PDB file of N, CA and C in Angstrom:
ATOM      1  N   UNK A   1      76.138 -49.209 -56.027  1.00  0.00           N
ATOM      2  CA  UNK A   1      74.992 -48.271 -56.001  1.00  0.00           C
ATOM      3  C   UNK A   1      76.109 -47.129 -54.464  1.00  0.00           C
ATOM      4  N   UNK A   2      75.930 -46.348 -55.193  1.00  0.00           N
ATOM      5  CA  UNK A   2      77.095 -45.108 -54.246  1.00  0.00           C
ATOM      6  C   UNK A   2      76.929 -45.399 -52.821  1.00  0.00           C
ATOM      7  N   UNK A   3      77.864 -44.914 -52.346  1.00  0.00           N
ATOM      8  CA  UNK A   3      77.591 -44.542 -50.371  1.00  0.00           C
ATOM      9  C   UNK A   3      76.538 -43.828 -50.382  1.00  0.00           C
ATOM     10  N   UNK A   4      76.461 -42.782 -50.721  1.00  0.00           N
ATOM     11  CA  UNK A   4      74.748 -41.770 -50.555  1.00  0.00           C
ATOM     12  C   UNK A   4      73.621 -42.777 -51.053  1.00  0.00           C
ATOM     13  N   UNK A   5      73.826 -43.831 -51.748  1.00  0.00           N
ATOM     14  CA  UNK A   5      72.605 -44.215 -52.095  1.00  0.00           C
ATOM     15  C   UNK A   5      72.061 -45.659 -51.618  1.00  0.00           C
ATOM     16  N   UNK A   6      73.385 -45.944 -51.045  1.00  0.00           N
ATOM     17  CA  UNK A   6      73.426 -46.311 -49.483  1.00  0.00           C
ATOM     18  C   UNK A   6      72.962 -46.157 -47.832  1.00  0.00           C
ATOM     19  N   UNK A   7      73.529 -45.861 -47.830  1.00  0.00           N
ATOM     20  CA  UNK A   7      72.890 -44.288 -46.650  1.00  0.00           C
ATOM     21  C   UNK A   7      71.686 -43.928 -46.627  1.00  0.00           C
ATOM     22  N   UNK A   8      70.582 -43.804 -48.126  1.00  0.00           N
ATOM     23  CA  UNK A   8      69.328 -43.542 -48.010  1.00  0.00           C
ATOM     24  C   UNK A   8      68.935 -44.391 -47.834  1.00  0.00           C
ATOM     25  N   UNK A   9      69.451 -45.558 -48.841  1.00  0.00           N
ATOM     26  CA  UNK A   9      68.520 -46.915 -48.277  1.00  0.00           C
ATOM     27  C   UNK A   9      68.327 -47.352 -47.048  1.00  0.00           C
ATOM     28  N   UNK A  10      69.333 -47.444 -46.184  1.00  0.00           N
ATOM     29  CA  UNK A  10      69.498 -47.969 -44.770  1.00  0.00           C
ATOM     30  C   UNK A  10      68.761 -46.704 -43.597  1.00  0.00           C
ATOM     31  N   UNK A  11      68.749 -45.502 -44.158  1.00  0.00           N
ATOM     32  CA  UNK A  11      68.258 -44.530 -43.240  1.00  0.00           C
ATOM     33  C   UNK A  11      66.495 -45.109 -43.761  1.00  0.00           C
ATOM     34  N   UNK A  12      66.592 -45.549 -44.621  1.00  0.00           N
ATOM     35  CA  UNK A  12      64.510 -45.389 -45.466  1.00  0.00           C
ATOM     36  C   UNK A  12      64.268 -46.470 -44.340  1.00  0.00           C
ATOM     37  N   UNK A  13      64.917 -47.739 -44.605  1.00  0.00           N
ATOM     38  CA  UNK A  13      64.997 -48.934 -43.423  1.00  0.00           C
ATOM     39  C   UNK A  13      64.741 -48.525 -42.011  1.00  0.00           C
ATOM     40  N   UNK A  14      65.671 -48.065 -41.585  1.00  0.00           N
ATOM     41  CA  UNK A  14      66.167 -47.272 -40.235  1.00  0.00           C
ATOM     42  C   UNK A  14      63.821 -47.571 -39.856  1.00  0.00           C
ATOM     43  N   UNK A  15      63.480 -46.095 -40.756  1.00  0.00           N
ATOM     44  CA  UNK A  15      62.520 -46.044 -40.291  1.00  0.00           C
ATOM     45  C   UNK A  15      61.186 -46.101 -40.618  1.00  0.00           C
ATOM     46  N   UNK A  16      61.614 -47.392 -41.578  1.00  0.00           N
ATOM     47  CA  UNK A  16      59.979 -48.272 -41.993  1.00  0.00           C
ATOM     48  C   UNK A  16      59.899 -49.159 -40.992  1.00  0.00           C
ATOM     49  N   UNK A  17      61.133 -49.776 -40.539  1.00  0.00           N
ATOM     50  CA  UNK A  17      61.222 -50.729 -39.422  1.00  0.00           C
ATOM     51  C   UNK A  17      60.181 -50.138 -37.871  1.00  0.00           C
ATOM     52  N   UNK A  18      61.129 -48.926 -37.324  1.00  0.00           N
ATOM     53  CA  UNK A  18      60.653 -48.392 -36.737  1.00  0.00           C
ATOM     54  C   UNK A  18      59.299 -47.802 -36.415  1.00  0.00           C
ATOM     55  N   UNK A  19      58.616 -46.780 -38.070  1.00  0.00           N
ATOM     56  CA  UNK A  19      57.202 -46.710 -37.959  1.00  0.00           C
ATOM     57  C   UNK A  19      56.336 -47.863 -38.095  1.00  0.00           C
ATOM     58  N   UNK A  20      56.412 -49.016 -39.018  1.00  0.00           N
ATOM     59  CA  UNK A  20      55.486 -50.185 -38.528  1.00  0.00           C
ATOM     60  C   UNK A  20      55.802 -50.991 -36.724  1.00  0.00           C
ATOM     61  N   UNK A  21      56.695 -50.781 -36.422  1.00  0.00           N
ATOM     62  CA  UNK A  21      56.660 -50.886 -34.652  1.00  0.00           C
ATOM     63  C   UNK A  21      55.394 -50.334 -33.924  1.00  0.00           C
ATOM     64  N   UNK A  22      55.342 -48.688 -34.744  1.00  0.00           N
ATOM     65  CA  UNK A  22      54.877 -48.013 -33.951  1.00  0.00           C
ATOM     66  C   UNK A  22      53.080 -47.972 -34.024  1.00  0.00           C
ATOM     67  N   UNK A  23      53.652 -48.332 -35.074  1.00  0.00           N
ATOM     68  CA  UNK A  23      52.079 -48.554 -36.072  1.00  0.00           C
ATOM     69  C   UNK A  23      51.156 -49.927 -35.505  1.00  0.00           C
ATOM     70  N   UNK A  24      51.980 -51.201 -34.934  1.00  0.00           N
ATOM     71  CA  UNK A  24      51.613 -52.322 -34.638  1.00  0.00           C
ATOM     72  C   UNK A  24      51.265 -52.024 -32.429  1.00  0.00           C
ATOM     73  N   UNK A  25      51.686 -50.980 -32.738  1.00  0.00           N
ATOM     74  CA  UNK A  25      52.097 -51.161 -30.927  1.00  0.00           C
ATOM     75  C   UNK A  25      50.365 -50.504 -30.091  1.00  0.00           C
ATOM     76  N   UNK A  26      50.718 -48.927 -31.895  1.00  0.00           N
ATOM     77  CA  UNK A  26      48.964 -48.343 -31.533  1.00  0.00           C
ATOM     78  C   UNK A  26      47.816 -48.968 -32.030  1.00  0.00           C
ATOM     79  N   UNK A  27      48.009 -50.371 -33.179  1.00  0.00           N
ATOM     80  CA  UNK A  27      47.083 -50.447 -33.908  1.00  0.00           C
ATOM     81  C   UNK A  27      46.113 -51.667 -32.648  1.00  0.00           C
ATOM     82  N   UNK A  28      47.549 -51.947 -31.763  1.00  0.00           N
ATOM     83  CA  UNK A  28      47.365 -53.416 -30.799  1.00  0.00           C
ATOM     84  C   UNK A  28      46.264 -52.776 -29.585  1.00  0.00           C
ATOM     85  N   UNK A  29      47.127 -51.006 -29.456  1.00  0.00           N
ATOM     86  CA  UNK A  29      46.335 -50.358 -28.113  1.00  0.00           C
ATOM     87  C   UNK A  29      44.800 -50.420 -28.470  1.00  0.00           C
ATOM     88  N   UNK A  30      44.314 -49.855 -29.625  1.00  0.00           N
ATOM     89  CA  UNK A  30      43.068 -49.726 -29.680  1.00  0.00           C
ATOM     90  C   UNK A  30      42.344 -50.995 -29.836  1.00  0.00           C
ATOM     91  N   UNK A  31      43.123 -51.815 -30.455  1.00  0.00           N
ATOM     92  CA  UNK A  31      41.839 -53.160 -30.761  1.00  0.00           C
ATOM     93  C   UNK A  31      41.697 -53.125 -29.370  1.00  0.00           C
ATOM     94  N   UNK A  32      42.407 -53.318 -27.957  1.00  0.00           N
ATOM     95  CA  UNK A  32      41.931 -53.769 -26.661  1.00  0.00           C
ATOM     96  C   UNK A  32      41.856 -53.119 -25.786  1.00  0.00           C
ATOM     97  N   UNK A  33      41.805 -51.271 -26.113  1.00  0.00           N
ATOM     98  CA  UNK A  33      41.215 -50.757 -25.447  1.00  0.00           C
ATOM     99  C   UNK A  33      39.666 -49.305 -26.196  1.00  0.00           C
ATOM    100  N   UNK A  34      40.311 -49.692 -27.831  1.00  0.00           N
ATOM    101  CA  UNK A  34      38.813 -49.182 -28.431  1.00  0.00           C
ATOM    102  C   UNK A  34      39.623 -47.848 -28.807  1.00  0.00           C
ATOM    103  N   UNK A  35      40.353 -46.816 -28.209  1.00  0.00           N
ATOM    104  CA  UNK A  35      40.420 -45.899 -27.794  1.00  0.00           C
ATOM    105  C   UNK A  35      41.120 -45.577 -29.656  1.00  0.00           C
ATOM    106  N   UNK A  36      40.241 -44.360 -29.795  1.00  0.00           N
ATOM    107  CA  UNK A  36      40.366 -42.837 -30.842  1.00  0.00           C
ATOM    108  C   UNK A  36      41.369 -42.590 -30.983  1.00  0.00           C
ATOM    109  N   UNK A  37      42.342 -42.459 -30.027  1.00  0.00           N
ATOM    110  CA  UNK A  37      43.470 -41.208 -30.367  1.00  0.00           C
ATOM    111  C   UNK A  37      44.388 -43.388 -30.797  1.00  0.00           C
ATOM    112  N   UNK A  38      44.241 -44.167 -30.230  1.00  0.00           N
ATOM    113  CA  UNK A  38      45.014 -45.037 -31.250  1.00  0.00           C
ATOM    114  C   UNK A  38      44.846 -45.205 -32.369  1.00  0.00           C
ATOM    115  N   UNK A  39      44.014 -44.791 -32.626  1.00  0.00           N
ATOM    116  CA  UNK A  39      43.444 -45.721 -34.201  1.00  0.00           C
ATOM    117  C   UNK A  39      43.919 -44.305 -35.177  1.00  0.00           C
ATOM    118  N   UNK A  40      44.119 -42.933 -34.315  1.00  0.00           N
ATOM    119  CA  UNK A  40      44.224 -42.676 -35.319  1.00  0.00           C
ATOM    120  C   UNK A  40      45.879 -41.563 -35.052  1.00  0.00           C
ATOM    121  N   UNK A  41      46.367 -42.325 -34.769  1.00  0.00           N
ATOM    122  CA  UNK A  41      47.983 -43.166 -34.068  1.00  0.00           C
ATOM    123  C   UNK A  41      48.771 -43.543 -35.213  1.00  0.00           C
ATOM    124  N   UNK A  42      48.169 -44.571 -35.155  1.00  0.00           N
ATOM    125  CA  UNK A  42      48.111 -45.935 -36.291  1.00  0.00           C
ATOM    126  C   UNK A  42      47.946 -45.583 -37.502  1.00  0.00           C
ATOM    127  N   UNK A  43      46.713 -44.552 -37.643  1.00  0.00           N
ATOM    128  CA  UNK A  43      46.836 -44.279 -39.140  1.00  0.00           C
ATOM    129  C   UNK A  43      47.715 -43.079 -39.619  1.00  0.00           C
ATOM    130  N   UNK A  44      48.536 -42.332 -38.471  1.00  0.00           N
ATOM    131  CA  UNK A  44      49.189 -41.481 -38.342  1.00  0.00           C
ATOM    132  C   UNK A  44      50.632 -41.573 -38.921  1.00  0.00           C
ATOM    133  N   UNK A  45      51.123 -42.934 -38.456  1.00  0.00           N
ATOM    134  CA  UNK A  45      52.329 -43.414 -38.407  1.00  0.00           C
ATOM    135  C   UNK A  45      52.189 -44.310 -39.559  1.00  0.00           C
ATOM    136  N   UNK A  46      51.290 -44.596 -40.375  1.00  0.00           N
ATOM    137  CA  UNK A  46      51.038 -45.320 -41.130  1.00  0.00           C
ATOM    138  C   UNK A  46      51.765 -44.595 -42.467  1.00  0.00           C
ATOM    139  N   UNK A  47      50.602 -43.132 -42.510  1.00  0.00           N
ATOM    140  CA  UNK A  47      50.894 -42.520 -43.821  1.00  0.00           C
ATOM    141  C   UNK A  47      52.545 -42.351 -43.466  1.00  0.00           C
ATOM    142  N   UNK A  48      53.303 -41.808 -42.147  1.00  0.00           N
ATOM    143  CA  UNK A  48      54.487 -41.120 -42.181  1.00  0.00           C
ATOM    144  C   UNK A  48      55.573 -42.690 -43.156  1.00  0.00           C
ATOM    145  N   UNK A  49      55.247 -43.818 -42.904  1.00  0.00           N
ATOM    146  CA  UNK A  49      56.291 -44.511 -43.329  1.00  0.00           C
ATOM    147  C   UNK A  49      55.446 -45.119 -44.545  1.00  0.00           C
ATOM    148  N   UNK A  50      54.543 -45.234 -44.749  1.00  0.00           N
ATOM    149  CA  UNK A  50      53.503 -45.423 -47.170  1.00  0.00           C
ATOM    150  C   UNK A  50      54.763 -43.896 -46.917  1.00  0.00           C
ATOM    151  N   UNK A  51      54.901 -42.796 -46.701  1.00  0.00           N
ATOM    152  CA  UNK A  51      56.046 -41.645 -47.999  1.00  0.00           C
ATOM    153  C   UNK A  51      57.000 -41.798 -47.899  1.00  0.00           C
ATOM    154  N   UNK A  52      57.353 -42.419 -46.687  1.00  0.00           N
ATOM    155  CA  UNK A  52      59.040 -43.733 -47.049  1.00  0.00           C
ATOM    156  C   UNK A  52      59.192 -44.515 -47.582  1.00  0.00           C
ATOM    157  N   UNK A  53      58.090 -45.238 -47.553  1.00  0.00           N
ATOM    158  CA  UNK A  53      58.697 -46.525 -48.708  1.00  0.00           C
ATOM    159  C   UNK A  53      58.526 -45.671 -50.137  1.00  0.00           C
ATOM    160  N   UNK A  54      57.361 -44.911 -50.526  1.00  0.00           N
ATOM    161  CA  UNK A  54      57.141 -44.475 -51.615  1.00  0.00           C
ATOM    162  C   UNK A  54      57.887 -43.302 -51.890  1.00  0.00           C
ATOM    163  N   UNK A  55      59.016 -42.536 -50.944  1.00  0.00           N
ATOM    164  CA  UNK A  55      59.733 -42.348 -51.407  1.00  0.00           C
ATOM    165  C   UNK A  55      60.931 -42.993 -51.844  1.00  0.00           C
ATOM    166  N   UNK A  56      61.328 -43.862 -51.683  1.00  0.00           N
ATOM    167  CA  UNK A  56      62.589 -44.623 -52.346  1.00  0.00           C
ATOM    168  C   UNK A  56      62.552 -45.185 -52.835  1.00  0.00           C
ATOM    169  N   UNK A  57      61.464 -45.588 -53.074  1.00  0.00           N
ATOM    170  CA  UNK A  57      61.074 -46.283 -54.198  1.00  0.00           C
ATOM    171  C   UNK A  57      61.012 -46.058 -55.477  1.00  0.00           C
ATOM    172  N   UNK A  58      60.704 -44.851 -55.790  1.00  0.00           N
ATOM    173  CA  UNK A  58      60.010 -43.665 -56.988  1.00  0.00           C
ATOM    174  C   UNK A  58      61.907 -42.999 -56.713  1.00  0.00           C
ATOM    175  N   UNK A  59      62.206 -42.722 -55.054  1.00  0.00           N
ATOM    176  CA  UNK A  59      64.227 -42.058 -56.249  1.00  0.00           C
ATOM    177  C   UNK A  59      64.155 -43.303 -56.832  1.00  0.00           C
ATOM    178  N   UNK A  60      64.736 -44.011 -56.464  1.00  0.00           N
ATOM    179  CA  UNK A  60      65.145 -45.072 -57.311  1.00  0.00           C
ATOM    180  C   UNK A  60      65.171 -45.301 -59.103  1.00  0.00           C
ATOM    181  N   UNK A  61      63.602 -45.838 -59.355  1.00  0.00           N
ATOM    182  CA  UNK A  61      62.846 -45.974 -60.126  1.00  0.00           C
ATOM    183  C   UNK A  61      63.139 -44.738 -61.091  1.00  0.00           C
ATOM    184  N   UNK A  62      63.795 -43.374 -60.952  1.00  0.00           N
ATOM    185  CA  UNK A  62      62.956 -42.384 -61.731  1.00  0.00           C
ATOM    186  C   UNK A  62      64.647 -42.405 -61.545  1.00  0.00           C
ATOM    187  N   UNK A  63      65.303 -43.279 -60.901  1.00  0.00           N
ATOM    188  CA  UNK A  63      67.308 -42.623 -61.099  1.00  0.00           C
ATOM    189  C   UNK A  63      67.258 -41.123 -60.332  1.00  0.00           C
ATOM    190  N   UNK A  64      67.100 -41.071 -59.335  1.00  0.00           N
ATOM    191  CA  UNK A  64      66.773 -39.296 -59.169  1.00  0.00           C
ATOM    192  C   UNK A  64      66.376 -38.590 -59.312  1.00  0.00           C
ATOM    193  N   UNK A  65      66.443 -38.505 -61.063  1.00  0.00           N
ATOM    194  CA  UNK A  65      65.821 -37.415 -61.322  1.00  0.00           C
ATOM    195  C   UNK A  65      64.653 -36.567 -61.026  1.00  0.00           C
ATOM    196  N   UNK A  66      63.798 -36.805 -60.348  1.00  0.00           N
ATOM    197  CA  UNK A  66      62.451 -36.339 -59.897  1.00  0.00           C
ATOM    198  C   UNK A  66      62.188 -35.456 -59.212  1.00  0.00           C
ATOM    199  N   UNK A  67      63.120 -35.593 -58.056  1.00  0.00           N
ATOM    200  CA  UNK A  67      63.720 -35.303 -56.542  1.00  0.00           C
ATOM    201  C   UNK A  67      62.799 -33.405 -56.357  1.00  0.00           C
ATOM    202  N   UNK A  68      62.805 -32.853 -56.450  1.00  0.00           N
ATOM    203  CA  UNK A  68      61.078 -31.795 -56.073  1.00  0.00           C
ATOM    204  C   UNK A  68      59.931 -32.132 -56.239  1.00  0.00           C
ATOM    205  N   UNK A  69      59.657 -33.470 -57.160  1.00  0.00           N
ATOM    206  CA  UNK A  69      58.156 -33.560 -57.272  1.00  0.00           C
ATOM    207  C   UNK A  69      58.259 -34.885 -56.087  1.00  0.00           C
ATOM    208  N   UNK A  70      58.944 -35.932 -55.838  1.00  0.00           N
ATOM    209  CA  UNK A  70      59.636 -36.489 -54.438  1.00  0.00           C
ATOM    210  C   UNK A  70      59.012 -35.968 -53.457  1.00  0.00           C
ATOM    211  N   UNK A  71      59.818 -34.769 -53.427  1.00  0.00           N
ATOM    212  CA  UNK A  71      60.452 -35.076 -51.701  1.00  0.00           C
ATOM    213  C   UNK A  71      59.053 -33.669 -51.789  1.00  0.00           C
ATOM    214  N   UNK A  72      58.526 -34.106 -52.242  1.00  0.00           N
ATOM    215  CA  UNK A  72      56.838 -32.240 -52.397  1.00  0.00           C
ATOM    216  C   UNK A  72      55.423 -33.334 -52.014  1.00  0.00           C
ATOM    217  N   UNK A  73      56.048 -34.692 -52.461  1.00  0.00           N
ATOM    218  CA  UNK A  73      54.556 -35.178 -52.055  1.00  0.00           C
ATOM    219  C   UNK A  73      54.910 -36.108 -50.810  1.00  0.00           C
ATOM    220  N   UNK A  74      56.625 -36.322 -51.123  1.00  0.00           N
ATOM    221  CA  UNK A  74      57.025 -37.108 -49.649  1.00  0.00           C
ATOM    222  C   UNK A  74      56.359 -36.125 -48.718  1.00  0.00           C
ATOM    223  N   UNK A  75      56.611 -34.770 -48.190  1.00  0.00           N
ATOM    224  CA  UNK A  75      55.973 -34.430 -47.423  1.00  0.00           C
ATOM    225  C   UNK A  75      54.800 -33.353 -46.625  1.00  0.00           C
ATOM    226  N   UNK A  76      54.394 -33.824 -48.161  1.00  0.00           N
ATOM    227  CA  UNK A  76      52.640 -34.012 -48.252  1.00  0.00           C
ATOM    228  C   UNK A  76      51.667 -35.144 -47.249  1.00  0.00           C
ATOM    229  N   UNK A  77      52.726 -36.087 -48.004  1.00  0.00           N
ATOM    230  CA  UNK A  77      52.060 -37.009 -47.154  1.00  0.00           C
ATOM    231  C   UNK A  77      52.358 -36.604 -45.775  1.00  0.00           C
ATOM    232  N   UNK A  78      53.982 -37.325 -45.080  1.00  0.00           N
ATOM    233  CA  UNK A  78      54.002 -36.982 -44.106  1.00  0.00           C
ATOM    234  C   UNK A  78      53.952 -36.165 -43.416  1.00  0.00           C
ATOM    235  N   UNK A  79      53.060 -34.597 -43.748  1.00  0.00           N
ATOM    236  CA  UNK A  79      52.614 -34.056 -43.087  1.00  0.00           C
ATOM    237  C   UNK A  79      51.134 -34.422 -42.621  1.00  0.00           C
ATOM    238  N   UNK A  80      50.145 -34.708 -44.274  1.00  0.00           N
ATOM    239  CA  UNK A  80      49.365 -35.571 -43.505  1.00  0.00           C
ATOM    240  C   UNK A  80      49.682 -36.675 -42.325  1.00  0.00           C
ATOM    241  N   UNK A  81      50.249 -37.637 -42.091  1.00  0.00           N
ATOM    242  CA  UNK A  81      50.812 -38.241 -41.445  1.00  0.00           C
ATOM    243  C   UNK A  81      50.568 -37.410 -40.091  1.00  0.00           C
ATOM    244  N   UNK A  82      51.090 -36.567 -40.175  1.00  0.00           N
ATOM    245  CA  UNK A  82      51.690 -36.052 -38.554  1.00  0.00           C
ATOM    246  C   UNK A  82      50.190 -35.013 -38.018  1.00  0.00           C
ATOM    247  N   UNK A  83      49.552 -34.977 -38.779  1.00  0.00           N
ATOM    248  CA  UNK A  83      48.277 -34.240 -38.424  1.00  0.00           C
ATOM    249  C   UNK A  83      47.837 -34.745 -37.819  1.00  0.00           C
ATOM    250  N   UNK A  84      47.331 -36.844 -38.209  1.00  0.00           N
ATOM    251  CA  UNK A  84      46.456 -37.669 -37.525  1.00  0.00           C
ATOM    252  C   UNK A  84      47.786 -37.291 -36.391  1.00  0.00           C
ATOM    253  N   UNK A  85      48.821 -37.735 -36.364  1.00  0.00           N
ATOM    254  CA  UNK A  85      49.316 -37.654 -34.898  1.00  0.00           C
ATOM    255  C   UNK A  85      49.170 -37.035 -33.586  1.00  0.00           C
ATOM    256  N   UNK A  86      49.515 -35.228 -34.208  1.00  0.00           N
ATOM    257  CA  UNK A  86      48.962 -34.361 -33.391  1.00  0.00           C
ATOM    258  C   UNK A  86      47.415 -34.079 -33.099  1.00  0.00           C
ATOM    259  N   UNK A  87      46.227 -34.756 -33.638  1.00  0.00           N
ATOM    260  CA  UNK A  87      45.253 -35.057 -33.730  1.00  0.00           C
ATOM    261  C   UNK A  87      45.152 -36.178 -32.621  1.00  0.00           C
ATOM    262  N   UNK A  88      46.191 -37.223 -32.454  1.00  0.00           N
ATOM    263  CA  UNK A  88      45.688 -38.878 -31.615  1.00  0.00           C
ATOM    264  C   UNK A  88      45.493 -37.996 -30.092  1.00  0.00           C
ATOM    265  N   UNK A  89      46.377 -36.905 -29.909  1.00  0.00           N
ATOM    266  CA  UNK A  89      47.155 -36.546 -29.061  1.00  0.00           C
ATOM    267  C   UNK A  89      46.072 -35.264 -28.306  1.00  0.00           C
ATOM    268  N   UNK A  90      45.275 -34.686 -29.145  1.00  0.00           N
ATOM    269  CA  UNK A  90      44.666 -33.506 -28.816  1.00  0.00           C
ATOM    270  C   UNK A  90      43.066 -33.989 -28.513  1.00  0.00           C
ATOM    271  N   UNK A  91      42.627 -35.081 -28.779  1.00  0.00           N
ATOM    272  CA  UNK A  91      41.593 -35.966 -28.367  1.00  0.00           C
ATOM    273  C   UNK A  91      41.999 -36.728 -27.084  1.00  0.00           C
ATOM    274  N   UNK A  92      42.552 -36.336 -26.088  1.00  0.00           N
ATOM    275  CA  UNK A  92      43.041 -37.524 -24.058  1.00  0.00           C
ATOM    276  C   UNK A  92      42.356 -36.319 -23.702  1.00  0.00           C
TER     277      UNK A  92
END
């Protein structure tokens, strides 16, 4: 692996760990309080994490040849995730 690919993997793993931590915290808060905002927050961060994981795996599977498609799908899924996150704040 080249240094740029290693950096990409490290940053992706970091994003996934941080994102899953937020998902777990929001899910626990939802279970404890049944607050709809926490459910929306959990879904939003799950989508952001899913986009990161899928993009990283797809990039290596396609040898980074379909980067425009990968980035477009990543941004679409991430945007939907952020819409859920913003919705969680708006429901307060």
